[in-house]
Amino acid sequence: MFTQRVTVYIDGFNLYYSMRRKQWYRYYWLDLVRLSRDLINSNQQLVAVKYFSARISKPEHKRRNQQAYLEALETLPLAQIIYGQFKGEDNLCCRCGMSTGLKEKMTDVNISVQMIKDALEDKYDVALLVSGDSDQIPTINAIKELTKGAKRVAVAFPPADFRSKELKAAADYSFKITENKFMRNQLPSEILKKDGYILVRPAKW
């Protein structure tokens, strides 16, 4: 049986805000490689996990939590973090302390570029996009056109995301990520880095 190579592309903030809307804070310490393996089929092989995000600067406790998580992801085999950035005027909400003025830039473009580039370089047979963002529809269409249908694109919708009919229609197949997959694919509470430093799961997010 032919084994399909799968690369997973994760829109970090799309996934994060979807989990936050569900109040699934207990699942934030998520092992993205194990999760990705849990999302693919038995005739598929995971070859890479590409996580797209941007570093936040405040509030400080959230910056520290994100930094710990990003360092944890860096210890995972097959995982790669691709950074965008925030732009705009940095205003903080007086109630929750979250930034209201900054807007993340580059992630959509970074995902699109990576998916198309990897397709043309024959890095995968199936691209699995973890996002509910319909802005990636042109990316999916471009991959199908450029590869003449040789590459397939699937979409895994985050738990609280609106299931875009257009995005679902553009994909070869799609599904929603269920809670049990978040529950059983958590990172260890403590992670030993190569330099001897121990990363500890944040007690409060």
N, C-alpha and C. Protein backbone atom coordinates (compact mmCIF):
# COMPACT_ATOMS: atom_id res chain seq x y z
N MET A 1 0.85 -1.20 0.00
CA MET A 1 0.00 0.00 0.00
C MET A 1 0.88 1.25 0.00
N PHE A 2 0.54 2.21 -0.82
CA PHE A 2 1.28 3.47 -0.91
C PHE A 2 1.10 4.28 0.36
N THR A 3 2.21 4.69 0.97
CA THR A 3 2.16 5.52 2.18
C THR A 3 2.27 6.98 1.80
N GLN A 4 1.28 7.76 2.16
CA GLN A 4 1.26 9.18 1.84
C GLN A 4 2.08 9.98 2.86
N ARG A 5 2.92 10.86 2.36
CA ARG A 5 3.67 11.77 3.22
C ARG A 5 2.78 12.98 3.56
N VAL A 6 2.72 13.30 4.85
CA VAL A 6 1.87 14.40 5.29
C VAL A 6 2.69 15.46 6.02
N THR A 7 2.53 16.71 5.61
CA THR A 7 3.06 17.84 6.36
C THR A 7 1.88 18.61 6.94
N VAL A 8 1.98 18.94 8.22
CA VAL A 8 0.91 19.65 8.92
C VAL A 8 1.31 21.12 9.09
N TYR A 9 0.39 22.01 8.72
CA TYR A 9 0.61 23.46 8.81
C TYR A 9 -0.39 24.02 9.82
N ILE A 10 0.11 24.56 10.92
CA ILE A 10 -0.75 24.99 12.02
C ILE A 10 -0.74 26.51 12.16
N ASP A 11 -1.90 27.11 12.01
CA ASP A 11 -2.07 28.54 12.25
C ASP A 11 -2.18 28.71 13.77
N GLY A 12 -1.08 29.11 14.40
CA GLY A 12 -1.00 29.11 15.85
C GLY A 12 -2.04 29.94 16.55
N PHE A 13 -2.25 31.18 16.10
CA PHE A 13 -3.21 32.04 16.78
C PHE A 13 -4.64 31.64 16.48
N ASN A 14 -4.90 31.13 15.30
CA ASN A 14 -6.23 30.62 14.98
C ASN A 14 -6.59 29.48 15.93
N LEU A 15 -5.63 28.58 16.14
CA LEU A 15 -5.85 27.46 17.06
C LEU A 15 -5.98 27.94 18.49
N TYR A 16 -5.11 28.86 18.90
CA TYR A 16 -5.12 29.37 20.28
C TYR A 16 -6.46 30.04 20.62
N TYR A 17 -6.91 30.95 19.76
CA TYR A 17 -8.15 31.68 20.06
C TYR A 17 -9.37 30.76 20.00
N SER A 18 -9.31 29.75 19.18
CA SER A 18 -10.40 28.77 19.16
C SER A 18 -10.46 28.02 20.48
N MET A 19 -9.30 27.60 21.00
CA MET A 19 -9.26 26.92 22.29
C MET A 19 -9.69 27.85 23.41
N ARG A 20 -9.30 29.12 23.32
CA ARG A 20 -9.67 30.08 24.35
C ARG A 20 -11.18 30.30 24.39
N ARG A 21 -11.80 30.35 23.20
CA ARG A 21 -13.26 30.52 23.17
C ARG A 21 -13.97 29.33 23.81
N LYS A 22 -13.36 28.17 23.73
CA LYS A 22 -13.92 26.98 24.38
C LYS A 22 -13.52 26.88 25.85
N GLN A 23 -12.67 27.81 26.29
CA GLN A 23 -12.11 27.82 27.66
C GLN A 23 -11.36 26.52 27.96
N TRP A 24 -10.62 26.07 26.97
CA TRP A 24 -9.81 24.86 27.12
C TRP A 24 -8.38 25.21 27.52
N TYR A 25 -8.26 26.01 28.58
CA TYR A 25 -6.94 26.44 29.05
C TYR A 25 -6.08 25.25 29.47
N ARG A 26 -6.71 24.21 29.96
CA ARG A 26 -5.96 23.03 30.43
C ARG A 26 -5.27 22.29 29.30
N TYR A 27 -5.59 22.64 28.06
CA TYR A 27 -4.99 21.95 26.91
C TYR A 27 -3.94 22.80 26.19
N TYR A 28 -3.62 23.96 26.74
CA TYR A 28 -2.69 24.86 26.05
C TYR A 28 -1.29 24.26 25.89
N TRP A 29 -0.90 23.36 26.79
CA TRP A 29 0.45 22.74 26.77
C TRP A 29 0.42 21.57 25.79
N LEU A 30 0.12 21.88 24.55
CA LEU A 30 -0.23 20.87 23.55
C LEU A 30 1.00 20.38 22.78
N ASP A 31 1.12 19.06 22.69
CA ASP A 31 2.18 18.45 21.90
C ASP A 31 1.71 18.40 20.45
N LEU A 32 2.23 19.29 19.63
CA LEU A 32 1.74 19.43 18.26
C LEU A 32 2.15 18.27 17.36
N VAL A 33 3.25 17.61 17.67
CA VAL A 33 3.66 16.47 16.86
C VAL A 33 2.77 15.27 17.16
N ARG A 34 2.54 15.01 18.42
CA ARG A 34 1.63 13.90 18.78
C ARG A 34 0.22 14.17 18.26
N LEU A 35 -0.23 15.42 18.40
CA LEU A 35 -1.55 15.77 17.88
C LEU A 35 -1.61 15.52 16.39
N SER A 36 -0.58 15.95 15.67
CA SER A 36 -0.56 15.78 14.21
C SER A 36 -0.62 14.31 13.83
N ARG A 37 0.11 13.47 14.54
CA ARG A 37 0.05 12.04 14.27
C ARG A 37 -1.34 11.48 14.53
N ASP A 38 -2.02 12.09 15.50
CA ASP A 38 -3.37 11.65 15.86
C ASP A 38 -4.40 12.08 14.81
N LEU A 39 -4.04 13.03 13.98
CA LEU A 39 -4.97 13.57 12.98
C LEU A 39 -4.88 12.88 11.62
N ILE A 40 -3.79 12.11 11.42
CA ILE A 40 -3.60 11.50 10.10
C ILE A 40 -4.08 10.06 10.09
N ASN A 41 -4.20 9.51 8.89
CA ASN A 41 -4.73 8.15 8.72
C ASN A 41 -3.62 7.11 8.81
N SER A 42 -4.03 5.85 8.91
CA SER A 42 -3.07 4.75 9.08
C SER A 42 -2.17 4.56 7.87
N ASN A 43 -2.60 4.99 6.70
CA ASN A 43 -1.77 4.86 5.49
C ASN A 43 -0.96 6.12 5.21
N GLN A 44 -0.84 6.98 6.23
CA GLN A 44 -0.10 8.22 6.08
C GLN A 44 1.07 8.29 7.05
N GLN A 45 2.10 9.01 6.67
CA GLN A 45 3.29 9.18 7.50
C GLN A 45 3.55 10.67 7.69
N LEU A 46 3.70 11.08 8.95
CA LEU A 46 3.98 12.48 9.26
C LEU A 46 5.45 12.77 8.95
N VAL A 47 5.70 13.79 8.11
CA VAL A 47 7.08 14.13 7.77
C VAL A 47 7.51 15.48 8.34
N ALA A 48 6.56 16.36 8.67
CA ALA A 48 6.91 17.66 9.24
C ALA A 48 5.68 18.32 9.85
N VAL A 49 5.94 19.12 10.90
CA VAL A 49 4.89 19.94 11.51
C VAL A 49 5.40 21.38 11.52
N LYS A 50 4.70 22.26 10.85
CA LYS A 50 5.11 23.66 10.76
C LYS A 50 4.09 24.53 11.50
N TYR A 51 4.58 25.21 12.53
CA TYR A 51 3.74 26.00 13.43
C TYR A 51 4.01 27.48 13.17
N PHE A 52 2.96 28.22 12.87
CA PHE A 52 3.08 29.63 12.50
C PHE A 52 2.54 30.51 13.62
N SER A 53 3.37 31.40 14.13
CA SER A 53 2.97 32.22 15.26
C SER A 53 3.76 33.53 15.24
N ALA A 54 3.59 34.32 16.29
CA ALA A 54 4.36 35.55 16.47
C ALA A 54 4.57 35.74 17.97
N ARG A 55 5.69 36.28 18.33
CA ARG A 55 5.99 36.48 19.75
C ARG A 55 5.22 37.70 20.29
N ILE A 56 4.59 37.53 21.44
CA ILE A 56 3.92 38.64 22.10
C ILE A 56 4.90 39.31 23.07
N SER A 57 4.65 40.56 23.41
CA SER A 57 5.54 41.28 24.32
C SER A 57 4.91 41.57 25.67
N LYS A 58 3.60 41.55 25.75
CA LYS A 58 2.89 41.82 27.01
C LYS A 58 1.47 41.27 26.92
N PRO A 59 0.83 41.07 28.04
CA PRO A 59 1.33 41.24 29.41
C PRO A 59 2.44 40.24 29.73
N GLU A 60 3.23 40.54 30.75
CA GLU A 60 4.44 39.79 31.01
C GLU A 60 4.20 38.31 31.29
N HIS A 61 3.17 37.98 32.07
CA HIS A 61 2.96 36.56 32.40
C HIS A 61 2.56 35.76 31.15
N LYS A 62 1.84 36.39 30.24
CA LYS A 62 1.49 35.70 29.00
C LYS A 62 2.72 35.57 28.09
N ARG A 63 3.57 36.59 28.10
CA ARG A 63 4.81 36.50 27.32
C ARG A 63 5.68 35.34 27.82
N ARG A 64 5.78 35.21 29.17
CA ARG A 64 6.58 34.12 29.74
C ARG A 64 5.97 32.77 29.40
N ASN A 65 4.65 32.67 29.49
CA ASN A 65 3.98 31.41 29.15
C ASN A 65 4.22 31.02 27.70
N GLN A 66 4.08 32.00 26.81
CA GLN A 66 4.30 31.72 25.38
C GLN A 66 5.75 31.30 25.14
N GLN A 67 6.68 32.01 25.78
CA GLN A 67 8.09 31.68 25.60
C GLN A 67 8.38 30.24 26.04
N ALA A 68 7.81 29.84 27.17
CA ALA A 68 8.00 28.47 27.66
C ALA A 68 7.43 27.47 26.66
N TYR A 69 6.27 27.79 26.11
CA TYR A 69 5.65 26.87 25.16
C TYR A 69 6.46 26.77 23.86
N LEU A 70 6.92 27.90 23.37
CA LEU A 70 7.72 27.88 22.14
C LEU A 70 9.01 27.09 22.34
N GLU A 71 9.63 27.25 23.51
CA GLU A 71 10.84 26.48 23.80
C GLU A 71 10.53 25.00 23.89
N ALA A 72 9.36 24.67 24.42
CA ALA A 72 8.95 23.26 24.50
C ALA A 72 8.77 22.69 23.10
N LEU A 73 8.15 23.45 22.22
CA LEU A 73 7.95 22.99 20.84
C LEU A 73 9.28 22.77 20.13
N GLU A 74 10.26 23.59 20.45
CA GLU A 74 11.57 23.46 19.81
C GLU A 74 12.27 22.15 20.14
N THR A 75 11.82 21.47 21.22
CA THR A 75 12.43 20.19 21.59
C THR A 75 11.82 19.02 20.83
N LEU A 76 10.74 19.27 20.09
CA LEU A 76 10.03 18.18 19.43
C LEU A 76 10.64 17.84 18.07
N PRO A 77 10.84 16.56 17.81
CA PRO A 77 11.29 16.17 16.47
C PRO A 77 10.19 16.48 15.44
N LEU A 78 10.59 16.85 14.26
CA LEU A 78 9.72 17.16 13.12
C LEU A 78 9.06 18.53 13.21
N ALA A 79 9.18 19.22 14.35
CA ALA A 79 8.49 20.51 14.52
C ALA A 79 9.37 21.67 14.09
N GLN A 80 8.75 22.65 13.44
CA GLN A 80 9.44 23.87 13.03
C GLN A 80 8.52 25.05 13.30
N ILE A 81 9.07 26.10 13.91
CA ILE A 81 8.29 27.30 14.19
C ILE A 81 8.66 28.37 13.18
N ILE A 82 7.65 28.95 12.55
CA ILE A 82 7.86 30.01 11.57
C ILE A 82 7.16 31.26 12.08
N TYR A 83 7.93 32.33 12.30
CA TYR A 83 7.42 33.50 12.99
C TYR A 83 6.94 34.60 12.05
N GLY A 84 5.82 35.20 12.44
CA GLY A 84 5.36 36.44 11.87
C GLY A 84 5.68 37.54 12.87
N GLN A 85 4.92 38.61 12.86
CA GLN A 85 5.17 39.69 13.81
C GLN A 85 3.89 40.47 14.04
N PHE A 86 3.91 41.26 15.14
CA PHE A 86 2.78 42.13 15.43
C PHE A 86 3.11 43.55 14.97
N LYS A 87 2.09 44.22 14.44
CA LYS A 87 2.26 45.61 14.05
C LYS A 87 1.05 46.41 14.50
N GLY A 88 1.28 47.70 14.71
CA GLY A 88 0.18 48.55 15.12
C GLY A 88 0.47 49.19 16.46
N GLU A 89 -0.50 49.90 17.00
CA GLU A 89 -0.35 50.57 18.28
C GLU A 89 -0.74 49.62 19.39
N ASP A 90 0.14 49.46 20.37
CA ASP A 90 -0.05 48.47 21.42
C ASP A 90 -0.90 49.03 22.55
N ASN A 91 -2.19 48.74 22.52
CA ASN A 91 -3.10 49.13 23.59
C ASN A 91 -3.55 47.88 24.33
N LEU A 92 -3.69 47.99 25.65
CA LEU A 92 -4.09 46.85 26.45
C LEU A 92 -5.52 47.03 26.96
N CYS A 93 -6.29 45.95 26.92
CA CYS A 93 -7.65 45.96 27.47
C CYS A 93 -7.56 46.11 28.99
N CYS A 94 -8.32 47.04 29.56
CA CYS A 94 -8.26 47.29 31.00
C CYS A 94 -8.85 46.15 31.81
N ARG A 95 -9.67 45.30 31.19
CA ARG A 95 -10.28 44.18 31.91
C ARG A 95 -9.43 42.93 31.89
N CYS A 96 -8.94 42.54 30.72
CA CYS A 96 -8.23 41.25 30.62
C CYS A 96 -6.73 41.39 30.44
N GLY A 97 -6.26 42.61 30.14
CA GLY A 97 -4.83 42.81 29.96
C GLY A 97 -4.30 42.39 28.61
N MET A 98 -5.17 41.94 27.71
CA MET A 98 -4.75 41.51 26.39
C MET A 98 -4.60 42.71 25.46
N SER A 99 -3.72 42.57 24.51
CA SER A 99 -3.51 43.64 23.53
C SER A 99 -4.74 43.79 22.65
N THR A 100 -5.13 45.05 22.43
CA THR A 100 -6.29 45.32 21.58
C THR A 100 -5.90 46.04 20.30
N GLY A 101 -4.69 46.63 20.28
CA GLY A 101 -4.29 47.43 19.14
C GLY A 101 -3.40 46.71 18.15
N LEU A 102 -2.60 45.77 18.64
CA LEU A 102 -1.66 45.08 17.77
C LEU A 102 -2.37 44.09 16.87
N LYS A 103 -1.87 43.96 15.67
CA LYS A 103 -2.42 43.00 14.74
C LYS A 103 -1.31 42.13 14.20
N GLU A 104 -1.54 40.83 14.23
CA GLU A 104 -0.52 39.91 13.75
C GLU A 104 -0.42 40.00 12.23
N LYS A 105 0.81 40.06 11.75
CA LYS A 105 1.06 40.14 10.32
C LYS A 105 1.91 38.96 9.87
N MET A 106 1.81 38.65 8.63
CA MET A 106 2.68 37.70 7.93
C MET A 106 2.27 36.24 8.06
N THR A 107 1.49 35.85 9.06
CA THR A 107 1.20 34.43 9.24
C THR A 107 0.49 33.85 8.02
N ASP A 108 -0.55 34.52 7.54
CA ASP A 108 -1.29 34.00 6.38
C ASP A 108 -0.36 33.83 5.18
N VAL A 109 0.48 34.82 4.96
CA VAL A 109 1.41 34.76 3.83
C VAL A 109 2.44 33.66 4.05
N ASN A 110 2.96 33.56 5.28
CA ASN A 110 3.95 32.52 5.58
C ASN A 110 3.38 31.11 5.36
N ILE A 111 2.15 30.90 5.78
CA ILE A 111 1.51 29.59 5.58
C ILE A 111 1.38 29.31 4.09
N SER A 112 0.88 30.30 3.37
CA SER A 112 0.67 30.14 1.93
C SER A 112 1.98 29.82 1.21
N VAL A 113 3.02 30.59 1.51
CA VAL A 113 4.31 30.40 0.86
C VAL A 113 4.86 29.00 1.16
N GLN A 114 4.81 28.60 2.42
CA GLN A 114 5.35 27.30 2.81
C GLN A 114 4.58 26.15 2.16
N MET A 115 3.26 26.24 2.13
CA MET A 115 2.46 25.17 1.54
C MET A 115 2.74 25.03 0.04
N ILE A 116 2.79 26.15 -0.65
CA ILE A 116 3.04 26.11 -2.10
C ILE A 116 4.47 25.68 -2.40
N LYS A 117 5.43 26.24 -1.67
CA LYS A 117 6.84 25.89 -1.87
C LYS A 117 7.07 24.40 -1.64
N ASP A 118 6.52 23.88 -0.54
CA ASP A 118 6.71 22.45 -0.22
C ASP A 118 6.05 21.56 -1.26
N ALA A 119 4.92 22.01 -1.80
CA ALA A 119 4.25 21.23 -2.84
C ALA A 119 5.12 21.15 -4.09
N LEU A 120 5.67 22.29 -4.50
CA LEU A 120 6.49 22.33 -5.71
C LEU A 120 7.81 21.59 -5.53
N GLU A 121 8.29 21.51 -4.29
CA GLU A 121 9.53 20.79 -4.00
C GLU A 121 9.27 19.32 -3.64
N ASP A 122 8.01 18.89 -3.79
CA ASP A 122 7.62 17.51 -3.54
C ASP A 122 7.97 17.07 -2.11
N LYS A 123 7.63 17.92 -1.13
CA LYS A 123 7.91 17.60 0.27
C LYS A 123 6.78 16.80 0.91
N TYR A 124 5.63 16.75 0.27
CA TYR A 124 4.49 16.02 0.83
C TYR A 124 3.59 15.51 -0.28
N ASP A 125 2.74 14.55 0.10
CA ASP A 125 1.65 14.12 -0.78
C ASP A 125 0.34 14.77 -0.35
N VAL A 126 0.22 14.98 0.98
CA VAL A 126 -0.96 15.62 1.56
C VAL A 126 -0.51 16.74 2.49
N ALA A 127 -1.07 17.93 2.30
CA ALA A 127 -0.88 19.03 3.24
C ALA A 127 -2.11 19.10 4.14
N LEU A 128 -1.89 19.07 5.45
CA LEU A 128 -3.00 19.16 6.40
C LEU A 128 -2.92 20.52 7.07
N LEU A 129 -3.88 21.37 6.77
CA LEU A 129 -3.94 22.73 7.30
C LEU A 129 -4.81 22.75 8.54
N VAL A 130 -4.25 23.16 9.68
CA VAL A 130 -5.01 23.30 10.92
C VAL A 130 -5.39 24.77 11.05
N SER A 131 -6.57 25.10 10.61
CA SER A 131 -7.04 26.48 10.60
C SER A 131 -8.48 26.53 10.12
N GLY A 132 -9.18 27.58 10.51
CA GLY A 132 -10.52 27.80 9.98
C GLY A 132 -10.57 29.06 9.14
N ASP A 133 -9.38 29.54 8.76
CA ASP A 133 -9.26 30.82 8.06
C ASP A 133 -9.50 30.64 6.56
N SER A 134 -10.57 31.23 6.07
CA SER A 134 -10.91 31.10 4.65
C SER A 134 -9.95 31.85 3.75
N ASP A 135 -9.05 32.67 4.34
CA ASP A 135 -8.05 33.36 3.52
C ASP A 135 -7.11 32.39 2.82
N GLN A 136 -7.09 31.14 3.27
CA GLN A 136 -6.19 30.15 2.65
C GLN A 136 -6.83 29.43 1.47
N ILE A 137 -8.04 29.78 1.11
CA ILE A 137 -8.68 29.15 -0.06
C ILE A 137 -7.86 29.36 -1.33
N PRO A 138 -7.36 30.58 -1.61
CA PRO A 138 -6.53 30.75 -2.82
C PRO A 138 -5.27 29.88 -2.78
N THR A 139 -4.72 29.66 -1.60
CA THR A 139 -3.55 28.80 -1.46
C THR A 139 -3.87 27.37 -1.89
N ILE A 140 -4.99 26.87 -1.39
CA ILE A 140 -5.40 25.51 -1.74
C ILE A 140 -5.64 25.39 -3.24
N ASN A 141 -6.32 26.38 -3.80
CA ASN A 141 -6.60 26.35 -5.24
C ASN A 141 -5.31 26.41 -6.06
N ALA A 142 -4.35 27.22 -5.59
CA ALA A 142 -3.08 27.34 -6.31
C ALA A 142 -2.31 26.03 -6.29
N ILE A 143 -2.31 25.35 -5.15
CA ILE A 143 -1.61 24.07 -5.05
C ILE A 143 -2.21 23.04 -6.01
N LYS A 144 -3.51 22.99 -6.06
CA LYS A 144 -4.17 22.05 -6.97
C LYS A 144 -3.84 22.37 -8.44
N GLU A 145 -3.83 23.67 -8.75
CA GLU A 145 -3.56 24.07 -10.13
C GLU A 145 -2.11 23.81 -10.50
N LEU A 146 -1.19 24.21 -9.63
CA LEU A 146 0.24 24.10 -9.94
C LEU A 146 0.72 22.65 -10.00
N THR A 147 0.09 21.79 -9.20
CA THR A 147 0.51 20.38 -9.19
C THR A 147 -0.41 19.50 -10.03
N LYS A 148 -1.38 20.14 -10.70
CA LYS A 148 -2.35 19.42 -11.53
C LYS A 148 -3.05 18.31 -10.73
N GLY A 149 -3.35 18.63 -9.48
CA GLY A 149 -4.08 17.70 -8.63
C GLY A 149 -3.25 16.61 -8.00
N ALA A 150 -1.92 16.66 -8.19
CA ALA A 150 -1.06 15.60 -7.64
C ALA A 150 -0.94 15.70 -6.11
N LYS A 151 -1.09 16.92 -5.58
CA LYS A 151 -1.03 17.12 -4.13
C LYS A 151 -2.43 17.37 -3.58
N ARG A 152 -2.72 16.73 -2.46
CA ARG A 152 -4.02 16.91 -1.82
C ARG A 152 -3.88 17.84 -0.63
N VAL A 153 -4.93 18.57 -0.33
CA VAL A 153 -4.94 19.47 0.82
C VAL A 153 -6.16 19.16 1.68
N ALA A 154 -5.91 18.87 2.95
CA ALA A 154 -6.98 18.62 3.90
C ALA A 154 -7.02 19.76 4.92
N VAL A 155 -8.16 19.95 5.55
CA VAL A 155 -8.31 21.00 6.56
C VAL A 155 -8.83 20.37 7.85
N ALA A 156 -8.12 20.64 8.96
CA ALA A 156 -8.58 20.25 10.29
C ALA A 156 -9.04 21.51 11.00
N PHE A 157 -10.34 21.63 11.23
CA PHE A 157 -10.89 22.83 11.84
C PHE A 157 -10.67 22.82 13.35
N PRO A 158 -10.13 23.91 13.92
CA PRO A 158 -10.03 24.03 15.38
C PRO A 158 -11.40 23.93 16.02
N PRO A 159 -11.46 23.61 17.32
CA PRO A 159 -12.73 23.23 17.96
C PRO A 159 -13.84 24.26 17.95
N ALA A 160 -13.51 25.54 18.12
CA ALA A 160 -14.58 26.54 18.21
C ALA A 160 -14.70 27.37 16.95
N ASP A 161 -13.98 26.98 15.91
CA ASP A 161 -13.98 27.78 14.71
C ASP A 161 -15.23 27.55 13.87
N PHE A 162 -15.66 28.63 13.22
CA PHE A 162 -16.76 28.52 12.29
C PHE A 162 -16.29 27.71 11.08
N ARG A 163 -17.01 26.68 10.75
CA ARG A 163 -16.60 25.82 9.65
C ARG A 163 -17.00 26.45 8.33
N SER A 164 -16.07 27.18 7.76
CA SER A 164 -16.30 27.88 6.51
C SER A 164 -16.69 26.89 5.41
N LYS A 165 -17.86 27.09 4.84
CA LYS A 165 -18.31 26.21 3.77
C LYS A 165 -17.39 26.32 2.57
N GLU A 166 -16.89 27.53 2.33
CA GLU A 166 -16.01 27.73 1.19
C GLU A 166 -14.67 27.03 1.38
N LEU A 167 -14.12 27.11 2.61
CA LEU A 167 -12.86 26.44 2.90
C LEU A 167 -13.03 24.93 2.84
N LYS A 168 -14.12 24.46 3.39
CA LYS A 168 -14.42 23.03 3.36
C LYS A 168 -14.54 22.54 1.91
N ALA A 169 -15.19 23.34 1.07
CA ALA A 169 -15.38 22.95 -0.33
C ALA A 169 -14.06 22.95 -1.11
N ALA A 170 -13.14 23.85 -0.74
CA ALA A 170 -11.86 23.93 -1.45
C ALA A 170 -10.96 22.74 -1.12
N ALA A 171 -11.08 22.22 0.11
CA ALA A 171 -10.21 21.14 0.55
C ALA A 171 -10.63 19.81 -0.07
N ASP A 172 -9.68 18.88 -0.14
CA ASP A 172 -10.01 17.53 -0.61
C ASP A 172 -10.85 16.79 0.42
N TYR A 173 -10.57 17.06 1.70
CA TYR A 173 -11.43 16.56 2.78
C TYR A 173 -11.17 17.41 4.01
N SER A 174 -12.08 17.38 4.96
CA SER A 174 -11.94 18.20 6.16
C SER A 174 -12.62 17.51 7.33
N PHE A 175 -12.26 17.96 8.53
CA PHE A 175 -12.86 17.43 9.75
C PHE A 175 -12.60 18.41 10.89
N LYS A 176 -13.32 18.25 11.97
CA LYS A 176 -13.15 19.09 13.15
C LYS A 176 -12.32 18.33 14.19
N ILE A 177 -11.38 19.02 14.83
CA ILE A 177 -10.56 18.38 15.86
C ILE A 177 -11.38 18.27 17.14
N THR A 178 -11.53 17.07 17.65
CA THR A 178 -12.36 16.82 18.83
C THR A 178 -11.55 16.99 20.12
N GLU A 179 -12.26 17.20 21.21
CA GLU A 179 -11.62 17.48 22.50
C GLU A 179 -10.70 16.35 22.95
N ASN A 180 -11.08 15.11 22.69
CA ASN A 180 -10.26 14.00 23.17
C ASN A 180 -8.85 14.03 22.57
N LYS A 181 -8.71 14.60 21.38
CA LYS A 181 -7.39 14.67 20.76
C LYS A 181 -6.51 15.70 21.46
N PHE A 182 -7.10 16.75 22.00
CA PHE A 182 -6.34 17.70 22.79
C PHE A 182 -5.98 17.09 24.15
N MET A 183 -6.92 16.38 24.72
CA MET A 183 -6.73 15.80 26.04
C MET A 183 -5.58 14.80 26.08
N ARG A 184 -5.47 13.95 25.07
CA ARG A 184 -4.50 12.86 25.13
C ARG A 184 -3.17 13.20 24.47
N ASN A 185 -3.00 14.44 24.01
CA ASN A 185 -1.76 14.81 23.34
C ASN A 185 -1.11 16.03 24.00
N GLN A 186 -0.94 15.93 25.32
CA GLN A 186 -0.30 16.99 26.08
C GLN A 186 1.19 16.71 26.27
N LEU A 187 1.96 17.78 26.36
CA LEU A 187 3.38 17.67 26.65
C LEU A 187 3.59 17.25 28.10
N PRO A 188 4.74 16.67 28.45
CA PRO A 188 5.04 16.36 29.86
C PRO A 188 5.05 17.65 30.69
N SER A 189 4.74 17.55 31.96
CA SER A 189 4.72 18.73 32.83
C SER A 189 6.09 19.37 32.94
N GLU A 190 7.13 18.56 32.84
CA GLU A 190 8.50 19.06 32.85
C GLU A 190 9.24 18.52 31.63
N ILE A 191 10.00 19.38 30.98
CA ILE A 191 10.75 18.99 29.78
C ILE A 191 12.21 19.38 29.95
N LEU A 192 13.10 18.42 29.84
CA LEU A 192 14.53 18.68 29.97
C LEU A 192 15.12 19.06 28.61
N LYS A 193 15.65 20.27 28.52
CA LYS A 193 16.27 20.73 27.28
C LYS A 193 17.70 20.19 27.19
N LYS A 194 18.27 20.27 26.00
CA LYS A 194 19.62 19.76 25.77
C LYS A 194 20.66 20.47 26.63
N ASP A 195 20.41 21.74 26.95
CA ASP A 195 21.36 22.50 27.75
C ASP A 195 21.20 22.27 29.25
N GLY A 196 20.27 21.36 29.62
CA GLY A 196 20.06 21.02 31.02
C GLY A 196 18.95 21.81 31.70
N TYR A 197 18.44 22.84 31.02
CA TYR A 197 17.36 23.65 31.59
C TYR A 197 16.05 22.87 31.56
N ILE A 198 15.27 22.96 32.64
CA ILE A 198 14.00 22.24 32.72
C ILE A 198 12.85 23.22 32.50
N LEU A 199 12.09 22.99 31.44
CA LEU A 199 10.88 23.76 31.17
C LEU A 199 9.74 23.19 32.00
N VAL A 200 8.98 24.08 32.64
CA VAL A 200 7.87 23.65 33.49
C VAL A 200 6.56 24.19 32.93
N ARG A 201 5.57 23.33 32.85
CA ARG A 201 4.26 23.75 32.37
C ARG A 201 3.73 24.89 33.25
N PRO A 202 3.30 26.00 32.65
CA PRO A 202 2.76 27.11 33.46
C PRO A 202 1.58 26.69 34.32
N ALA A 203 1.58 27.17 35.56
CA ALA A 203 0.49 26.81 36.48
C ALA A 203 -0.79 27.57 36.14
N LYS A 204 -0.63 28.76 35.56
CA LYS A 204 -1.79 29.58 35.21
C LYS A 204 -1.55 30.23 33.85
N TRP A 205 -2.56 30.14 32.98
CA TRP A 205 -2.44 30.72 31.65
C TRP A 205 -3.10 32.09 31.59
